[in-house]
Amino acid sequence: MKQNFEIRKAARETLAGSWGNAIVAVLIYMGIISVIASIPGLGQIAFIAIMGPLMYGFLLFFVKLVRKNITDFNFIFKAFNFSGPNLGLFGRSLGLYWLMNLYVFLWSLLLIIPGSSVRLQHGFLSVYRQSRYWDFGSTS
């Protein structure tokens, strides 16, 4: 099993030369969340509606950045594709987000600490796993 310093070293090597793009992606993501959450009334509803697809696209950006060094910021908005059955990728990513939150909530009923652990496990791994199987077109 790798030690923490080895994992950090590998992460730094993977992001070498891409730190600027990673920071810009984080700023875009945080900016969108902040603006939407600050709108009184309607902002909370919009936040609930777009958080799943936005989080999916944000994590997909980093998966593509680490795997293939692709820094296309359009990946952040990739899940806002409504074509196809059930609202396309938007519906699937929103459904994945709600199922993930339901699963975490049910685990949280047992105890607070195991629920937080499951949140970390499934919050990132669900998107990572699905990014392998869903078709993203020719931009990969």
C-alpha atoms as a PDB file:
ATOM      1  CA  MET A   1       0.000   0.000   0.000  1.00  0.00           C
ATOM      2  CA  LYS A   2       1.317   3.436  -0.936  1.00  0.00           C
ATOM      3  CA  GLN A   3       2.205   5.915   1.730  1.00  0.00           C
ATOM      4  CA  ASN A   4       0.607   9.371   1.743  1.00  0.00           C
ATOM      5  CA  PHE A   5       3.759  11.129   0.581  1.00  0.00           C
ATOM      6  CA  GLU A   6       3.925   8.805  -2.450  1.00  0.00           C
ATOM      7  CA  ILE A   7       0.319   9.590  -3.363  1.00  0.00           C
ATOM      8  CA  ARG A   8       0.935  13.340  -3.006  1.00  0.00           C
ATOM      9  CA  LYS A   9       4.086  13.076  -5.134  1.00  0.00           C
ATOM     10  CA  ALA A  10       2.203  11.216  -7.867  1.00  0.00           C
ATOM     11  CA  ALA A  11      -0.582  13.817  -7.779  1.00  0.00           C
ATOM     12  CA  ARG A  12       1.905  16.677  -8.103  1.00  0.00           C
ATOM     13  CA  GLU A  13       3.615  14.955 -11.033  1.00  0.00           C
ATOM     14  CA  THR A  14       0.267  14.367 -12.734  1.00  0.00           C
ATOM     15  CA  LEU A  15      -0.757  18.015 -12.353  1.00  0.00           C
ATOM     16  CA  ALA A  16       2.627  19.391 -13.389  1.00  0.00           C
ATOM     17  CA  GLY A  17       1.995  22.111 -15.955  1.00  0.00           C
ATOM     18  CA  SER A  18      -1.778  21.985 -15.409  1.00  0.00           C
ATOM     19  CA  TRP A  19      -2.097  23.791 -12.091  1.00  0.00           C
ATOM     20  CA  GLY A  20      -3.409  26.945 -13.755  1.00  0.00           C
ATOM     21  CA  ASN A  21      -6.177  25.062 -15.548  1.00  0.00           C
ATOM     22  CA  ALA A  22      -7.112  23.226 -12.358  1.00  0.00           C
ATOM     23  CA  ILE A  23      -7.365  26.492 -10.433  1.00  0.00           C
ATOM     24  CA  VAL A  24      -9.468  28.110 -13.176  1.00  0.00           C
ATOM     25  CA  ALA A  25     -11.830  25.108 -13.154  1.00  0.00           C
ATOM     26  CA  VAL A  26     -12.240  25.369  -9.384  1.00  0.00           C
ATOM     27  CA  LEU A  27     -12.917  29.108  -9.646  1.00  0.00           C
ATOM     28  CA  ILE A  28     -15.544  28.551 -12.356  1.00  0.00           C
ATOM     29  CA  TYR A  29     -17.251  25.852 -10.296  1.00  0.00           C
ATOM     30  CA  MET A  30     -17.181  27.843  -7.066  1.00  0.00           C
ATOM     31  CA  GLY A  31     -18.299  31.008  -8.846  1.00  0.00           C
ATOM     32  CA  ILE A  32     -21.352  29.331 -10.352  1.00  0.00           C
ATOM     33  CA  ILE A  33     -22.297  27.744  -7.035  1.00  0.00           C
ATOM     34  CA  SER A  34     -21.850  31.016  -5.153  1.00  0.00           C
ATOM     35  CA  VAL A  35     -23.906  33.068  -7.597  1.00  0.00           C
ATOM     36  CA  ILE A  36     -26.771  30.578  -7.711  1.00  0.00           C
ATOM     37  CA  ALA A  37     -26.846  29.991  -3.955  1.00  0.00           C
ATOM     38  CA  SER A  38     -26.907  33.745  -3.259  1.00  0.00           C
ATOM     39  CA  ILE A  39     -30.150  34.335  -5.176  1.00  0.00           C
ATOM     40  CA  PRO A  40     -32.931  34.473  -2.570  1.00  0.00           C
ATOM     41  CA  GLY A  41     -35.780  32.017  -3.003  1.00  0.00           C
ATOM     42  CA  LEU A  42     -35.262  30.785  -6.545  1.00  0.00           C
ATOM     43  CA  GLY A  43     -31.535  30.229  -5.974  1.00  0.00           C
ATOM     44  CA  GLN A  44     -32.070  27.321  -3.619  1.00  0.00           C
ATOM     45  CA  ILE A  45     -34.352  25.567  -6.102  1.00  0.00           C
ATOM     46  CA  ALA A  46     -31.911  26.176  -8.952  1.00  0.00           C
ATOM     47  CA  PHE A  47     -29.060  24.981  -6.746  1.00  0.00           C
ATOM     48  CA  ILE A  48     -30.840  21.692  -6.101  1.00  0.00           C
ATOM     49  CA  ALA A  49     -31.640  21.289  -9.799  1.00  0.00           C
ATOM     50  CA  ILE A  50     -28.159  21.902 -11.213  1.00  0.00           C
ATOM     51  CA  MET A  51     -25.838  20.748  -8.441  1.00  0.00           C
ATOM     52  CA  GLY A  52     -25.756  17.136  -9.663  1.00  0.00           C
ATOM     53  CA  PRO A  53     -24.900  17.856 -13.300  1.00  0.00           C
ATOM     54  CA  LEU A  54     -22.483  20.624 -12.339  1.00  0.00           C
ATOM     55  CA  MET A  55     -20.649  18.418  -9.837  1.00  0.00           C
ATOM     56  CA  TYR A  56     -20.570  15.614 -12.404  1.00  0.00           C
ATOM     57  CA  GLY A  57     -18.999  17.863 -15.020  1.00  0.00           C
ATOM     58  CA  PHE A  58     -16.524  19.323 -12.521  1.00  0.00           C
ATOM     59  CA  LEU A  59     -15.293  15.895 -11.475  1.00  0.00           C
ATOM     60  CA  LEU A  60     -15.272  14.723 -15.113  1.00  0.00           C
ATOM     61  CA  PHE A  61     -12.987  17.662 -15.952  1.00  0.00           C
ATOM     62  CA  PHE A  62     -10.457  16.454 -13.393  1.00  0.00           C
ATOM     63  CA  VAL A  63     -10.726  12.824 -14.499  1.00  0.00           C
ATOM     64  CA  LYS A  64      -9.943  13.893 -18.081  1.00  0.00           C
ATOM     65  CA  LEU A  65      -7.192  16.233 -16.887  1.00  0.00           C
ATOM     66  CA  VAL A  66      -5.429  13.510 -14.924  1.00  0.00           C
ATOM     67  CA  ARG A  67      -5.934  10.677 -17.419  1.00  0.00           C
ATOM     68  CA  LYS A  68      -5.297  12.362 -20.751  1.00  0.00           C
ATOM     69  CA  ASN A  69      -4.151  15.891 -19.852  1.00  0.00           C
ATOM     70  CA  ILE A  70      -7.227  17.327 -21.600  1.00  0.00           C
ATOM     71  CA  THR A  71      -7.996  20.801 -20.266  1.00  0.00           C
ATOM     72  CA  ASP A  72     -11.222  21.577 -22.097  1.00  0.00           C
ATOM     73  CA  PHE A  73     -13.395  23.626 -19.731  1.00  0.00           C
ATOM     74  CA  ASN A  74     -16.492  22.486 -21.640  1.00  0.00           C
ATOM     75  CA  PHE A  75     -16.334  19.267 -19.618  1.00  0.00           C
ATOM     76  CA  ILE A  76     -17.578  21.243 -16.613  1.00  0.00           C
ATOM     77  CA  PHE A  77     -20.843  21.795 -18.512  1.00  0.00           C
ATOM     78  CA  LYS A  78     -20.908  18.407 -20.262  1.00  0.00           C
ATOM     79  CA  ALA A  79     -23.784  17.083 -18.153  1.00  0.00           C
ATOM     80  CA  PHE A  80     -26.091  19.890 -19.316  1.00  0.00           C
ATOM     81  CA  ASN A  81     -26.910  17.852 -22.405  1.00  0.00           C
ATOM     82  CA  PHE A  82     -30.666  17.326 -22.679  1.00  0.00           C
ATOM     83  CA  SER A  83     -30.673  15.186 -25.830  1.00  0.00           C
ATOM     84  CA  GLY A  84     -31.672  11.573 -25.522  1.00  0.00           C
ATOM     85  CA  PRO A  85     -34.144   9.704 -23.348  1.00  0.00           C
ATOM     86  CA  ASN A  86     -34.803  10.895 -19.783  1.00  0.00           C
ATOM     87  CA  LEU A  87     -33.246  14.324 -20.431  1.00  0.00           C
ATOM     88  CA  GLY A  88     -29.981  12.762 -21.619  1.00  0.00           C
ATOM     89  CA  LEU A  89     -26.867  13.117 -19.512  1.00  0.00           C
ATOM     90  CA  PHE A  90     -28.511  15.870 -17.437  1.00  0.00           C
ATOM     91  CA  GLY A  91     -31.197  13.456 -16.216  1.00  0.00           C
ATOM     92  CA  ARG A  92     -28.731  10.665 -15.577  1.00  0.00           C
ATOM     93  CA  SER A  93     -26.301  12.858 -13.644  1.00  0.00           C
ATOM     94  CA  LEU A  94     -29.141  14.438 -11.654  1.00  0.00           C
ATOM     95  CA  GLY A  95     -30.518  10.972 -10.865  1.00  0.00           C
ATOM     96  CA  LEU A  96     -27.041   9.788  -9.868  1.00  0.00           C
ATOM     97  CA  TYR A  97     -26.690  12.799  -7.570  1.00  0.00           C
ATOM     98  CA  TRP A  98     -30.041  12.163  -5.875  1.00  0.00           C
ATOM     99  CA  LEU A  99     -29.414   8.432  -5.490  1.00  0.00           C
ATOM    100  CA  MET A 100     -25.996   9.167  -4.046  1.00  0.00           C
ATOM    101  CA  ASN A 101     -27.509  11.610  -1.535  1.00  0.00           C
ATOM    102  CA  LEU A 102     -30.262   9.149  -0.629  1.00  0.00           C
ATOM    103  CA  TYR A 103     -27.680   6.426  -0.046  1.00  0.00           C
ATOM    104  CA  VAL A 104     -25.583   8.749   2.127  1.00  0.00           C
ATOM    105  CA  PHE A 105     -28.658   9.842   4.078  1.00  0.00           C
ATOM    106  CA  LEU A 106     -29.613   6.244   4.797  1.00  0.00           C
ATOM    107  CA  TRP A 107     -26.084   5.475   5.991  1.00  0.00           C
ATOM    108  CA  SER A 108     -26.164   8.634   8.105  1.00  0.00           C
ATOM    109  CA  LEU A 109     -29.160   7.266   9.948  1.00  0.00           C
ATOM    110  CA  LEU A 110     -26.854   4.671  11.490  1.00  0.00           C
ATOM    111  CA  LEU A 111     -24.234   7.072  12.784  1.00  0.00           C
ATOM    112  CA  ILE A 112     -22.746  10.386  11.785  1.00  0.00           C
ATOM    113  CA  ILE A 113     -19.178   9.143  11.253  1.00  0.00           C
ATOM    114  CA  PRO A 114     -19.995   6.188   8.941  1.00  0.00           C
ATOM    115  CA  GLY A 115     -22.299   8.480   6.952  1.00  0.00           C
ATOM    116  CA  SER A 116     -19.475  10.957   6.387  1.00  0.00           C
ATOM    117  CA  SER A 117     -17.182   8.143   5.329  1.00  0.00           C
ATOM    118  CA  VAL A 118     -19.713   6.850   2.815  1.00  0.00           C
ATOM    119  CA  ARG A 119     -20.224  10.410   1.513  1.00  0.00           C
ATOM    120  CA  LEU A 120     -16.547  10.661   0.685  1.00  0.00           C
ATOM    121  CA  GLN A 121     -16.445   7.203  -0.868  1.00  0.00           C
ATOM    122  CA  HIS A 122     -19.513   7.494  -3.057  1.00  0.00           C
ATOM    123  CA  GLY A 123     -19.375  11.208  -3.718  1.00  0.00           C
ATOM    124  CA  PHE A 124     -16.342  10.919  -5.941  1.00  0.00           C
ATOM    125  CA  LEU A 125     -16.315   7.287  -6.971  1.00  0.00           C
ATOM    126  CA  SER A 126     -19.845   7.301  -8.391  1.00  0.00           C
ATOM    127  CA  VAL A 127     -18.926   9.934 -10.946  1.00  0.00           C
ATOM    128  CA  TYR A 128     -15.579   8.281 -11.655  1.00  0.00           C
ATOM    129  CA  ARG A 129     -17.220   4.909 -12.320  1.00  0.00           C
ATOM    130  CA  GLN A 130     -19.950   6.321 -14.518  1.00  0.00           C
ATOM    131  CA  SER A 131     -17.472   8.348 -16.573  1.00  0.00           C
ATOM    132  CA  ARG A 132     -16.081   5.060 -17.830  1.00  0.00           C
ATOM    133  CA  TYR A 133     -19.389   3.766 -19.179  1.00  0.00           C
ATOM    134  CA  TRP A 134     -21.345   6.754 -20.465  1.00  0.00           C
ATOM    135  CA  ASP A 135     -20.640   7.907 -23.994  1.00  0.00           C
ATOM    136  CA  PHE A 136     -19.237  11.432 -24.205  1.00  0.00           C
ATOM    137  CA  GLY A 137     -19.006  11.733 -27.964  1.00  0.00           C
ATOM    138  CA  SER A 138     -15.844  12.499 -29.862  1.00  0.00           C
ATOM    139  CA  THR A 139     -14.328  14.965 -27.359  1.00  0.00           C
ATOM    140  CA  SER A 140     -12.485  12.330 -25.318  1.00  0.00           C
END
